[in-house]
Amino acid sequence: MIRAENLTKRYGDTTVVRDLSFTVHPGTVTGFLGPNGAGKSTTLRMILGLDAPTRGHATVDGLPYARHGAPLTRVGALLEARSVHPGRTAHHHLTALAHTHGIPAARVERVLALTGLTQVAHKRVKGFSLGMGQRLGMAAALLGDPATVVLDEPVNGLDPEGVLWIRTLLKSLAAEGRTVLVSSHLMSEMALTADHLIVIGKGRLLADTTVDELVRTSGGSSVRVVTPEADRLRGLLPGAGITVDAPDTLLVTGPDAPEIGRTAAAHGVPLHELTPQAPSLEQAFMALTHDSVEYQGAPA
């Protein structure tokens, strides 16, 4: 379990993280989301003891990271996959890490196989692609068979097969009862992977909830309506937000599906489809963090 209590981090006059509290529970994949500059990386660094909080504290399984006697066996972390000496091979890099914690050589071979790096284990890291570097970072994070995994953008640079592999791996780790905290900008991937979400903006907590609940409460739901009398139906739904998706297809916001159906029936408008459309996680995230975005582009 990861617990952050009143975490605050200031750099001079700039406050990057503000009184941030949350708990990451075992057995779930928790997505850690926020716009650029929200304070996600700083928060992860404080959890891992790389940055000292100005105020508050963070613990993993009840202790600060630095107080764990063998931290690789408690917490596996991937913050910067390419922080590896380029002249080392993947095998040498993992073996060196293993020696610091008395981890057996068999475990090195195991994580190389798990991450698909066995065939390139004795190649120098400087020749690795971005995706191979990410896999090596994952191998290092899993080396100590930790109960807690903290990952920052783990699918960066991976091809579709690699993205699917990461998704499956994270779910399997959570299913084993491990604590999984993953930061990502890919909302579509988080929608498929995460069970729970912690969303921050400008260093403050914006949401601590499930994926389904965030989407459900975000608003922006609509109803897809297919009818050969689309123009007529538009005139019968005053005050509704209506987008024409095709000559015979409307996306209606405001009235719900039963209300639209009753209106159509009362005026003899035939309906070929009447389907509620929930907003995507991306839409819900954008609505929640709209006021926390540092740089907003103008419409094209």
C-alpha atoms as a PDB file:
ATOM      1  CA  MET A   1       0.000   0.000   0.000  1.00  0.00           C
ATOM      2  CA  ILE A   2       1.157   3.511  -0.847  1.00  0.00           C
ATOM      3  CA  ARG A   3      -0.011   6.365   1.343  1.00  0.00           C
ATOM      4  CA  ALA A   4       0.603  10.057   0.711  1.00  0.00           C
ATOM      5  CA  GLU A   5      -0.335  12.437   3.501  1.00  0.00           C
ATOM      6  CA  ASN A   6      -0.407  16.205   2.985  1.00  0.00           C
ATOM      7  CA  LEU A   7       2.475  16.082   0.507  1.00  0.00           C
ATOM      8  CA  THR A   8       3.712  19.540  -0.389  1.00  0.00           C
ATOM      9  CA  LYS A   9       6.760  20.413  -2.467  1.00  0.00           C
ATOM     10  CA  ARG A  10       8.081  23.911  -3.089  1.00  0.00           C
ATOM     11  CA  TYR A  11      10.986  25.013  -5.234  1.00  0.00           C
ATOM     12  CA  GLY A  12      11.713  28.569  -4.147  1.00  0.00           C
ATOM     13  CA  ASP A  13       8.514  30.549  -4.612  1.00  0.00           C
ATOM     14  CA  THR A  14       6.925  27.859  -6.777  1.00  0.00           C
ATOM     15  CA  THR A  15       4.680  25.242  -5.175  1.00  0.00           C
ATOM     16  CA  VAL A  16       4.595  22.148  -7.371  1.00  0.00           C
ATOM     17  CA  VAL A  17       2.570  19.838  -5.099  1.00  0.00           C
ATOM     18  CA  ARG A  18      -0.004  21.219  -2.660  1.00  0.00           C
ATOM     19  CA  ASP A  19      -1.263  19.332   0.390  1.00  0.00           C
ATOM     20  CA  LEU A  20      -1.768  16.114  -1.585  1.00  0.00           C
ATOM     21  CA  SER A  21      -3.222  13.070   0.187  1.00  0.00           C
ATOM     22  CA  PHE A  22      -4.280   9.718  -1.274  1.00  0.00           C
ATOM     23  CA  THR A  23      -3.954   5.966  -0.762  1.00  0.00           C
ATOM     24  CA  VAL A  24      -3.096   3.358  -3.392  1.00  0.00           C
ATOM     25  CA  HIS A  25      -4.518   0.001  -2.384  1.00  0.00           C
ATOM     26  CA  PRO A  26      -3.223  -3.464  -3.281  1.00  0.00           C
ATOM     27  CA  GLY A  27      -5.095  -5.603  -5.764  1.00  0.00           C
ATOM     28  CA  THR A  28      -5.924  -2.778  -8.167  1.00  0.00           C
ATOM     29  CA  VAL A  29      -4.250  -0.929 -11.019  1.00  0.00           C
ATOM     30  CA  THR A  30      -4.372   2.741 -10.017  1.00  0.00           C
ATOM     31  CA  GLY A  31      -3.884   5.318 -12.757  1.00  0.00           C
ATOM     32  CA  PHE A  32      -2.118   8.528 -11.756  1.00  0.00           C
ATOM     33  CA  LEU A  33      -3.279  11.237 -14.140  1.00  0.00           C
ATOM     34  CA  GLY A  34      -2.886  14.946 -14.673  1.00  0.00           C
ATOM     35  CA  PRO A  35      -1.917  17.513 -17.324  1.00  0.00           C
ATOM     36  CA  ASN A  36       1.712  18.412 -17.968  1.00  0.00           C
ATOM     37  CA  GLY A  37       3.062  20.312 -14.991  1.00  0.00           C
ATOM     38  CA  ALA A  38       0.448  18.897 -12.612  1.00  0.00           C
ATOM     39  CA  GLY A  39       3.112  17.547 -10.230  1.00  0.00           C
ATOM     40  CA  LYS A  40       2.881  13.837 -11.077  1.00  0.00           C
ATOM     41  CA  SER A  41       6.612  13.197 -11.510  1.00  0.00           C
ATOM     42  CA  THR A  42       7.467  15.194  -8.388  1.00  0.00           C
ATOM     43  CA  THR A  43       4.922  13.185  -6.394  1.00  0.00           C
ATOM     44  CA  LEU A  44       6.359   9.886  -7.643  1.00  0.00           C
ATOM     45  CA  ARG A  45       9.862  11.058  -6.745  1.00  0.00           C
ATOM     46  CA  MET A  46       8.713  11.912  -3.219  1.00  0.00           C
ATOM     47  CA  ILE A  47       7.115   8.479  -2.844  1.00  0.00           C
ATOM     48  CA  LEU A  48      10.422   6.906  -3.876  1.00  0.00           C
ATOM     49  CA  GLY A  49      12.583   9.102  -1.642  1.00  0.00           C
ATOM     50  CA  LEU A  50      14.257  10.906  -4.534  1.00  0.00           C
ATOM     51  CA  ASP A  51      12.830  14.288  -3.508  1.00  0.00           C
ATOM     52  CA  ALA A  52      12.204  15.378   0.076  1.00  0.00           C
ATOM     53  CA  PRO A  53       8.759  16.865   0.725  1.00  0.00           C
ATOM     54  CA  THR A  54       8.599  20.414   1.990  1.00  0.00           C
ATOM     55  CA  ARG A  55       5.761  19.178   4.181  1.00  0.00           C
ATOM     56  CA  GLY A  56       3.898  15.912   4.660  1.00  0.00           C
ATOM     57  CA  HIS A  57       5.195  12.414   3.991  1.00  0.00           C
ATOM     58  CA  ALA A  58       4.757   9.316   1.839  1.00  0.00           C
ATOM     59  CA  THR A  59       5.035   5.679   2.886  1.00  0.00           C
ATOM     60  CA  VAL A  60       5.074   2.301   1.214  1.00  0.00           C
ATOM     61  CA  ASP A  61       3.715  -0.497   3.376  1.00  0.00           C
ATOM     62  CA  GLY A  62       3.938   1.790   6.400  1.00  0.00           C
ATOM     63  CA  LEU A  63       7.539   2.961   5.958  1.00  0.00           C
ATOM     64  CA  PRO A  64       9.282   5.668   3.943  1.00  0.00           C
ATOM     65  CA  TYR A  65      10.980   4.119   0.928  1.00  0.00           C
ATOM     66  CA  ALA A  66      14.501   4.805   2.259  1.00  0.00           C
ATOM     67  CA  ARG A  67      13.812   2.911   5.485  1.00  0.00           C
ATOM     68  CA  HIS A  68      13.157  -0.395   3.750  1.00  0.00           C
ATOM     69  CA  GLY A  69      16.158  -2.647   4.224  1.00  0.00           C
ATOM     70  CA  ALA A  70      15.959  -4.114   0.720  1.00  0.00           C
ATOM     71  CA  PRO A  71      13.899  -1.597  -1.257  1.00  0.00           C
ATOM     72  CA  LEU A  72      14.077  -3.437  -4.610  1.00  0.00           C
ATOM     73  CA  THR A  73      12.214  -6.328  -3.024  1.00  0.00           C
ATOM     74  CA  ARG A  74       9.514  -3.990  -1.701  1.00  0.00           C
ATOM     75  CA  VAL A  75       9.074  -1.419  -4.478  1.00  0.00           C
ATOM     76  CA  GLY A  76       9.815  -1.760  -8.173  1.00  0.00           C
ATOM     77  CA  ALA A  77      10.010   1.562  -9.981  1.00  0.00           C
ATOM     78  CA  LEU A  78      10.297   2.795 -13.558  1.00  0.00           C
ATOM     79  CA  LEU A  79      10.718   6.558 -13.739  1.00  0.00           C
ATOM     80  CA  GLU A  80      13.348   6.966 -16.463  1.00  0.00           C
ATOM     81  CA  ALA A  81      13.967   3.838 -18.504  1.00  0.00           C
ATOM     82  CA  ARG A  82      17.120   5.127 -20.196  1.00  0.00           C
ATOM     83  CA  SER A  83      19.005   5.838 -16.964  1.00  0.00           C
ATOM     84  CA  VAL A  84      21.376   2.957 -17.736  1.00  0.00           C
ATOM     85  CA  HIS A  85      25.079   3.101 -18.613  1.00  0.00           C
ATOM     86  CA  PRO A  86      25.051   2.748 -22.412  1.00  0.00           C
ATOM     87  CA  GLY A  87      28.131   0.551 -22.430  1.00  0.00           C
ATOM     88  CA  ARG A  88      26.529  -2.139 -20.279  1.00  0.00           C
ATOM     89  CA  THR A  89      24.516  -5.011 -21.611  1.00  0.00           C
ATOM     90  CA  ALA A  90      21.012  -5.622 -20.319  1.00  0.00           C
ATOM     91  CA  HIS A  91      22.269  -8.730 -18.532  1.00  0.00           C
ATOM     92  CA  HIS A  92      25.130  -6.854 -16.843  1.00  0.00           C
ATOM     93  CA  HIS A  93      22.815  -4.024 -15.773  1.00  0.00           C
ATOM     94  CA  LEU A  94      20.317  -6.358 -14.139  1.00  0.00           C
ATOM     95  CA  THR A  95      23.061  -8.514 -12.606  1.00  0.00           C
ATOM     96  CA  ALA A  96      24.638  -5.453 -10.978  1.00  0.00           C
ATOM     97  CA  LEU A  97      21.272  -4.469  -9.512  1.00  0.00           C
ATOM     98  CA  ALA A  98      20.698  -8.023  -8.312  1.00  0.00           C
ATOM     99  CA  HIS A  99      24.052  -8.107  -6.474  1.00  0.00           C
ATOM    100  CA  THR A 100      23.064  -5.065  -4.392  1.00  0.00           C
ATOM    101  CA  HIS A 101      20.161  -7.027  -2.874  1.00  0.00           C
ATOM    102  CA  GLY A 102      21.384 -10.610  -2.960  1.00  0.00           C
ATOM    103  CA  ILE A 103      18.901 -11.480  -5.694  1.00  0.00           C
ATOM    104  CA  PRO A 104      19.804 -14.818  -7.356  1.00  0.00           C
ATOM    105  CA  ALA A 105      20.993 -14.995 -10.960  1.00  0.00           C
ATOM    106  CA  ALA A 106      17.971 -17.102 -11.854  1.00  0.00           C
ATOM    107  CA  ARG A 107      15.754 -14.091 -11.210  1.00  0.00           C
ATOM    108  CA  VAL A 108      17.757 -12.047 -13.743  1.00  0.00           C
ATOM    109  CA  GLU A 109      17.085 -14.688 -16.367  1.00  0.00           C
ATOM    110  CA  ARG A 110      13.438 -14.775 -15.339  1.00  0.00           C
ATOM    111  CA  VAL A 111      12.800 -11.050 -15.806  1.00  0.00           C
ATOM    112  CA  LEU A 112      14.734 -11.010 -19.090  1.00  0.00           C
ATOM    113  CA  ALA A 113      12.380 -13.711 -20.362  1.00  0.00           C
ATOM    114  CA  LEU A 114       9.325 -12.003 -18.885  1.00  0.00           C
ATOM    115  CA  THR A 115      10.112  -8.756 -20.698  1.00  0.00           C
ATOM    116  CA  GLY A 116      11.097 -10.395 -23.980  1.00  0.00           C
ATOM    117  CA  LEU A 117      14.769  -9.403 -23.786  1.00  0.00           C
ATOM    118  CA  THR A 118      16.437 -12.812 -23.638  1.00  0.00           C
ATOM    119  CA  GLN A 119      17.685 -12.685 -27.228  1.00  0.00           C
ATOM    120  CA  VAL A 120      19.266  -9.231 -26.756  1.00  0.00           C
ATOM    121  CA  ALA A 121      20.422  -9.724 -23.167  1.00  0.00           C
ATOM    122  CA  HIS A 122      24.109  -9.502 -24.107  1.00  0.00           C
ATOM    123  CA  LYS A 123      23.830  -6.510 -26.435  1.00  0.00           C
ATOM    124  CA  ARG A 124      24.927  -3.077 -25.251  1.00  0.00           C
ATOM    125  CA  VAL A 125      22.114  -0.835 -24.116  1.00  0.00           C
ATOM    126  CA  LYS A 126      23.281   2.033 -26.341  1.00  0.00           C
ATOM    127  CA  GLY A 127      21.948   0.080 -29.323  1.00  0.00           C
ATOM    128  CA  PHE A 128      18.495  -0.411 -27.814  1.00  0.00           C
ATOM    129  CA  SER A 129      15.412   1.187 -29.319  1.00  0.00           C
ATOM    130  CA  LEU A 130      13.096   3.253 -27.128  1.00  0.00           C
ATOM    131  CA  GLY A 131      10.777   0.282 -26.743  1.00  0.00           C
ATOM    132  CA  MET A 132      13.616  -2.073 -25.772  1.00  0.00           C
ATOM    133  CA  GLY A 133      14.765   0.488 -23.217  1.00  0.00           C
ATOM    134  CA  GLN A 134      11.265   0.520 -21.720  1.00  0.00           C
ATOM    135  CA  ARG A 135      11.321  -3.271 -21.480  1.00  0.00           C
ATOM    136  CA  LEU A 136      14.669  -3.146 -19.696  1.00  0.00           C
ATOM    137  CA  GLY A 137      13.254  -0.578 -17.286  1.00  0.00           C
ATOM    138  CA  MET A 138      10.343  -2.926 -16.594  1.00  0.00           C
ATOM    139  CA  ALA A 139      12.771  -5.805 -16.035  1.00  0.00           C
ATOM    140  CA  ALA A 140      14.640  -3.726 -13.453  1.00  0.00           C
ATOM    141  CA  ALA A 141      11.371  -2.751 -11.741  1.00  0.00           C
ATOM    142  CA  LEU A 142      10.316  -6.387 -11.451  1.00  0.00           C
ATOM    143  CA  LEU A 143      13.756  -7.756 -10.531  1.00  0.00           C
ATOM    144  CA  GLY A 144      13.120  -7.952  -6.782  1.00  0.00           C
ATOM    145  CA  ASP A 145       9.639  -9.493  -7.227  1.00  0.00           C
ATOM    146  CA  PRO A 146       8.211  -6.473  -5.368  1.00  0.00           C
ATOM    147  CA  ALA A 147       4.795  -6.178  -3.756  1.00  0.00           C
ATOM    148  CA  THR A 148       4.492  -2.586  -5.017  1.00  0.00           C
ATOM    149  CA  VAL A 149       5.164  -1.298  -8.535  1.00  0.00           C
ATOM    150  CA  VAL A 150       5.421   2.410  -9.452  1.00  0.00           C
ATOM    151  CA  LEU A 151       5.621   3.167 -13.174  1.00  0.00           C
ATOM    152  CA  ASP A 152       5.852   6.466 -15.073  1.00  0.00           C
ATOM    153  CA  GLU A 153       4.672   6.225 -18.718  1.00  0.00           C
ATOM    154  CA  PRO A 154       5.524   2.501 -19.066  1.00  0.00           C
ATOM    155  CA  VAL A 155       4.122   2.139 -22.617  1.00  0.00           C
ATOM    156  CA  ASN A 156       6.194   5.012 -24.020  1.00  0.00           C
ATOM    157  CA  GLY A 157       7.854   3.812 -27.233  1.00  0.00           C
ATOM    158  CA  LEU A 158       6.236   0.385 -27.255  1.00  0.00           C
ATOM    159  CA  ASP A 159       4.591  -1.099 -30.336  1.00  0.00           C
ATOM    160  CA  PRO A 160       0.998  -2.425 -30.147  1.00  0.00           C
ATOM    161  CA  GLU A 161       2.173  -5.856 -29.021  1.00  0.00           C
ATOM    162  CA  GLY A 162       4.238  -4.249 -26.270  1.00  0.00           C
ATOM    163  CA  VAL A 163       1.333  -2.068 -25.147  1.00  0.00           C
ATOM    164  CA  LEU A 164      -0.884  -5.150 -24.885  1.00  0.00           C
ATOM    165  CA  TRP A 165       1.860  -6.963 -22.974  1.00  0.00           C
ATOM    166  CA  ILE A 166       2.164  -4.111 -20.444  1.00  0.00           C
ATOM    167  CA  ARG A 167      -1.608  -3.960 -20.036  1.00  0.00           C
ATOM    168  CA  THR A 168      -1.841  -7.693 -19.405  1.00  0.00           C
ATOM    169  CA  LEU A 169       1.161  -7.625 -17.061  1.00  0.00           C
ATOM    170  CA  LEU A 170      -0.214  -4.803 -14.914  1.00  0.00           C
ATOM    171  CA  LYS A 171      -3.561  -6.520 -14.572  1.00  0.00           C
ATOM    172  CA  SER A 172      -1.876  -9.789 -13.618  1.00  0.00           C
ATOM    173  CA  LEU A 173       0.284  -8.052 -10.995  1.00  0.00           C
ATOM    174  CA  ALA A 174      -2.814  -6.485  -9.442  1.00  0.00           C
ATOM    175  CA  ALA A 175      -4.618  -9.830  -9.572  1.00  0.00           C
ATOM    176  CA  GLU A 176      -1.774 -11.281  -7.483  1.00  0.00           C
ATOM    177  CA  GLY A 177      -2.564  -8.706  -4.799  1.00  0.00           C
ATOM    178  CA  ARG A 178       0.241  -6.275  -5.585  1.00  0.00           C
ATOM    179  CA  THR A 179      -0.041  -2.496  -5.427  1.00  0.00           C
ATOM    180  CA  VAL A 180       0.258  -0.968  -8.918  1.00  0.00           C
ATOM    181  CA  LEU A 181       0.530   2.795  -9.476  1.00  0.00           C
ATOM    182  CA  VAL A 182       0.977   3.868 -13.088  1.00  0.00           C
ATOM    183  CA  SER A 183       1.226   7.374 -14.519  1.00  0.00           C
ATOM    184  CA  SER A 184       0.227   7.885 -18.139  1.00  0.00           C
ATOM    185  CA  HIS A 185      -1.020  10.465 -20.621  1.00  0.00           C
ATOM    186  CA  LEU A 186      -2.764   7.809 -22.728  1.00  0.00           C
ATOM    187  CA  MET A 187      -6.405   7.997 -21.645  1.00  0.00           C
ATOM    188  CA  SER A 188      -7.483   5.215 -23.993  1.00  0.00           C
ATOM    189  CA  GLU A 189      -4.949   2.878 -22.388  1.00  0.00           C
ATOM    190  CA  MET A 190      -5.898   3.911 -18.869  1.00  0.00           C
ATOM    191  CA  ALA A 191      -9.547   3.207 -19.695  1.00  0.00           C
ATOM    192  CA  LEU A 192      -8.563  -0.368 -20.567  1.00  0.00           C
ATOM    193  CA  THR A 193      -6.031  -0.913 -17.774  1.00  0.00           C
ATOM    194  CA  ALA A 194      -6.871   1.042 -14.619  1.00  0.00           C
ATOM    195  CA  ASP A 195      -9.463   0.147 -11.989  1.00  0.00           C
ATOM    196  CA  HIS A 196      -9.015   3.296  -9.920  1.00  0.00           C
ATOM    197  CA  LEU A 197      -7.840   6.813 -10.741  1.00  0.00           C
ATOM    198  CA  ILE A 198      -6.052   9.561  -8.865  1.00  0.00           C
ATOM    199  CA  VAL A 199      -6.219  12.802 -10.856  1.00  0.00           C
ATOM    200  CA  ILE A 200      -4.265  15.919  -9.924  1.00  0.00           C
ATOM    201  CA  GLY A 201      -4.031  19.405 -11.389  1.00  0.00           C
ATOM    202  CA  LYS A 202      -1.669  22.195 -10.396  1.00  0.00           C
ATOM    203  CA  GLY A 203      -0.430  19.964  -7.607  1.00  0.00           C
ATOM    204  CA  ARG A 204      -3.857  19.487  -6.027  1.00  0.00           C
ATOM    205  CA  LEU A 205      -6.092  16.430  -5.855  1.00  0.00           C
ATOM    206  CA  LEU A 206      -8.971  16.682  -8.333  1.00  0.00           C
ATOM    207  CA  ALA A 207     -10.401  13.164  -8.132  1.00  0.00           C
ATOM    208  CA  ASP A 208      -9.821   9.900  -6.269  1.00  0.00           C
ATOM    209  CA  THR A 209     -12.356   7.519  -7.773  1.00  0.00           C
ATOM    210  CA  THR A 210     -13.011   4.607 -10.100  1.00  0.00           C
ATOM    211  CA  VAL A 211     -12.851   4.920 -13.875  1.00  0.00           C
ATOM    212  CA  ASP A 212     -16.568   4.201 -14.208  1.00  0.00           C
ATOM    213  CA  GLU A 213     -17.549   6.763 -11.583  1.00  0.00           C
ATOM    214  CA  LEU A 214     -15.414   9.508 -13.109  1.00  0.00           C
ATOM    215  CA  VAL A 215     -16.948   8.940 -16.521  1.00  0.00           C
ATOM    216  CA  ARG A 216     -20.470   8.659 -15.108  1.00  0.00           C
ATOM    217  CA  THR A 217     -20.311  11.907 -13.172  1.00  0.00           C
ATOM    218  CA  SER A 218     -18.440  13.947 -15.760  1.00  0.00           C
ATOM    219  CA  GLY A 219     -21.517  14.893 -17.769  1.00  0.00           C
ATOM    220  CA  GLY A 220     -21.321  15.132 -21.528  1.00  0.00           C
ATOM    221  CA  SER A 221     -23.404  12.021 -22.167  1.00  0.00           C
ATOM    222  CA  SER A 222     -25.435  11.995 -25.360  1.00  0.00           C
ATOM    223  CA  VAL A 223     -27.913   9.868 -27.278  1.00  0.00           C
ATOM    224  CA  ARG A 224     -27.307   8.577 -30.785  1.00  0.00           C
ATOM    225  CA  VAL A 225     -30.518   8.810 -32.804  1.00  0.00           C
ATOM    226  CA  VAL A 226     -30.949   7.377 -36.289  1.00  0.00           C
ATOM    227  CA  THR A 227     -34.119   8.405 -38.119  1.00  0.00           C
ATOM    228  CA  PRO A 228     -35.089   9.133 -41.743  1.00  0.00           C
ATOM    229  CA  GLU A 229     -36.775  12.312 -40.417  1.00  0.00           C
ATOM    230  CA  ALA A 230     -33.742  13.800 -38.682  1.00  0.00           C
ATOM    231  CA  ASP A 231     -34.532  17.402 -39.630  1.00  0.00           C
ATOM    232  CA  ARG A 232     -38.074  17.107 -38.315  1.00  0.00           C
ATOM    233  CA  LEU A 233     -36.952  15.551 -35.040  1.00  0.00           C
ATOM    234  CA  ARG A 234     -34.459  18.371 -34.521  1.00  0.00           C
ATOM    235  CA  GLY A 235     -37.306  20.841 -34.581  1.00  0.00           C
ATOM    236  CA  LEU A 236     -39.222  18.814 -32.000  1.00  0.00           C
ATOM    237  CA  LEU A 237     -36.379  18.893 -29.447  1.00  0.00           C
ATOM    238  CA  PRO A 238     -36.066  22.589 -28.526  1.00  0.00           C
ATOM    239  CA  GLY A 239     -33.224  23.389 -26.161  1.00  0.00           C
ATOM    240  CA  ALA A 240     -31.337  20.181 -26.882  1.00  0.00           C
ATOM    241  CA  GLY A 241     -27.732  20.211 -28.010  1.00  0.00           C
ATOM    242  CA  ILE A 242     -27.767  18.441 -31.354  1.00  0.00           C
ATOM    243  CA  THR A 243     -24.863  17.460 -33.591  1.00  0.00           C
ATOM    244  CA  VAL A 244     -25.508  16.047 -37.057  1.00  0.00           C
ATOM    245  CA  ASP A 245     -23.292  12.954 -37.353  1.00  0.00           C
ATOM    246  CA  ALA A 246     -24.725  11.901 -40.745  1.00  0.00           C
ATOM    247  CA  PRO A 247     -27.797  12.887 -42.841  1.00  0.00           C
ATOM    248  CA  ASP A 248     -29.962  10.500 -40.803  1.00  0.00           C
ATOM    249  CA  THR A 249     -27.976  10.470 -37.536  1.00  0.00           C
ATOM    250  CA  LEU A 250     -28.126  12.926 -34.627  1.00  0.00           C
ATOM    251  CA  LEU A 251     -26.116  13.103 -31.414  1.00  0.00           C
ATOM    252  CA  VAL A 252     -28.416  14.683 -28.844  1.00  0.00           C
ATOM    253  CA  THR A 253     -27.368  16.080 -25.445  1.00  0.00           C
ATOM    254  CA  GLY A 254     -29.859  17.229 -22.839  1.00  0.00           C
ATOM    255  CA  PRO A 255     -32.943  15.003 -23.101  1.00  0.00           C
ATOM    256  CA  ASP A 256     -32.342  11.337 -22.318  1.00  0.00           C
ATOM    257  CA  ALA A 257     -33.268   8.385 -24.529  1.00  0.00           C
ATOM    258  CA  PRO A 258     -36.762   7.804 -23.025  1.00  0.00           C
ATOM    259  CA  GLU A 259     -37.673  11.465 -23.457  1.00  0.00           C
ATOM    260  CA  ILE A 260     -36.491  11.470 -27.069  1.00  0.00           C
ATOM    261  CA  GLY A 261     -38.408   8.251 -27.714  1.00  0.00           C
ATOM    262  CA  ARG A 262     -41.624   9.675 -26.249  1.00  0.00           C
ATOM    263  CA  THR A 263     -41.294  12.848 -28.316  1.00  0.00           C
ATOM    264  CA  ALA A 264     -40.710  10.873 -31.503  1.00  0.00           C
ATOM    265  CA  ALA A 265     -43.653   8.554 -30.802  1.00  0.00           C
ATOM    266  CA  ALA A 266     -45.998  11.434 -30.029  1.00  0.00           C
ATOM    267  CA  HIS A 267     -45.273  12.996 -33.431  1.00  0.00           C
ATOM    268  CA  GLY A 268     -45.026   9.820 -35.472  1.00  0.00           C
ATOM    269  CA  VAL A 269     -41.262  10.096 -36.148  1.00  0.00           C
ATOM    270  CA  PRO A 270     -39.820   6.647 -36.935  1.00  0.00           C
ATOM    271  CA  LEU A 271     -36.638   5.718 -35.055  1.00  0.00           C
ATOM    272  CA  HIS A 272     -34.132   3.184 -36.351  1.00  0.00           C
ATOM    273  CA  GLU A 273     -31.731   3.598 -33.421  1.00  0.00           C
ATOM    274  CA  LEU A 274     -31.851   5.215 -29.981  1.00  0.00           C
ATOM    275  CA  THR A 275     -28.610   4.534 -28.099  1.00  0.00           C
ATOM    276  CA  PRO A 276     -27.223   6.328 -25.021  1.00  0.00           C
ATOM    277  CA  GLN A 277     -23.567   7.285 -25.505  1.00  0.00           C
ATOM    278  CA  ALA A 278     -21.384   7.614 -22.400  1.00  0.00           C
ATOM    279  CA  PRO A 279     -18.473  10.061 -22.573  1.00  0.00           C
ATOM    280  CA  SER A 280     -14.999   8.581 -22.950  1.00  0.00           C
ATOM    281  CA  LEU A 281     -12.408   8.708 -20.191  1.00  0.00           C
ATOM    282  CA  GLU A 282     -10.524  11.228 -22.316  1.00  0.00           C
ATOM    283  CA  GLN A 283     -13.572  13.514 -22.414  1.00  0.00           C
ATOM    284  CA  ALA A 284     -14.124  13.137 -18.671  1.00  0.00           C
ATOM    285  CA  PHE A 285     -10.441  13.863 -17.982  1.00  0.00           C
ATOM    286  CA  MET A 286     -10.430  16.929 -20.206  1.00  0.00           C
ATOM    287  CA  ALA A 287     -13.526  18.313 -18.521  1.00  0.00           C
ATOM    288  CA  LEU A 288     -12.112  17.706 -15.036  1.00  0.00           C
ATOM    289  CA  THR A 289      -8.679  19.204 -15.728  1.00  0.00           C
ATOM    290  CA  HIS A 290      -9.695  22.040 -18.051  1.00  0.00           C
ATOM    291  CA  ASP A 291      -8.790  24.756 -15.543  1.00  0.00           C
ATOM    292  CA  SER A 292      -5.496  23.043 -14.633  1.00  0.00           C
ATOM    293  CA  VAL A 293      -3.882  22.998 -18.075  1.00  0.00           C
ATOM    294  CA  GLU A 294      -0.765  25.174 -18.244  1.00  0.00           C
ATOM    295  CA  TYR A 295      -0.816  25.876 -21.984  1.00  0.00           C
ATOM    296  CA  GLN A 296      -4.002  25.775 -24.032  1.00  0.00           C
ATOM    297  CA  GLY A 297      -3.866  25.987 -27.806  1.00  0.00           C
ATOM    298  CA  ALA A 298      -6.240  28.239 -29.717  1.00  0.00           C
ATOM    299  CA  PRO A 299      -8.830  26.658 -32.035  1.00  0.00           C
ATOM    300  CA  ALA A 300      -7.544  26.011 -35.546  1.00  0.00           C
END
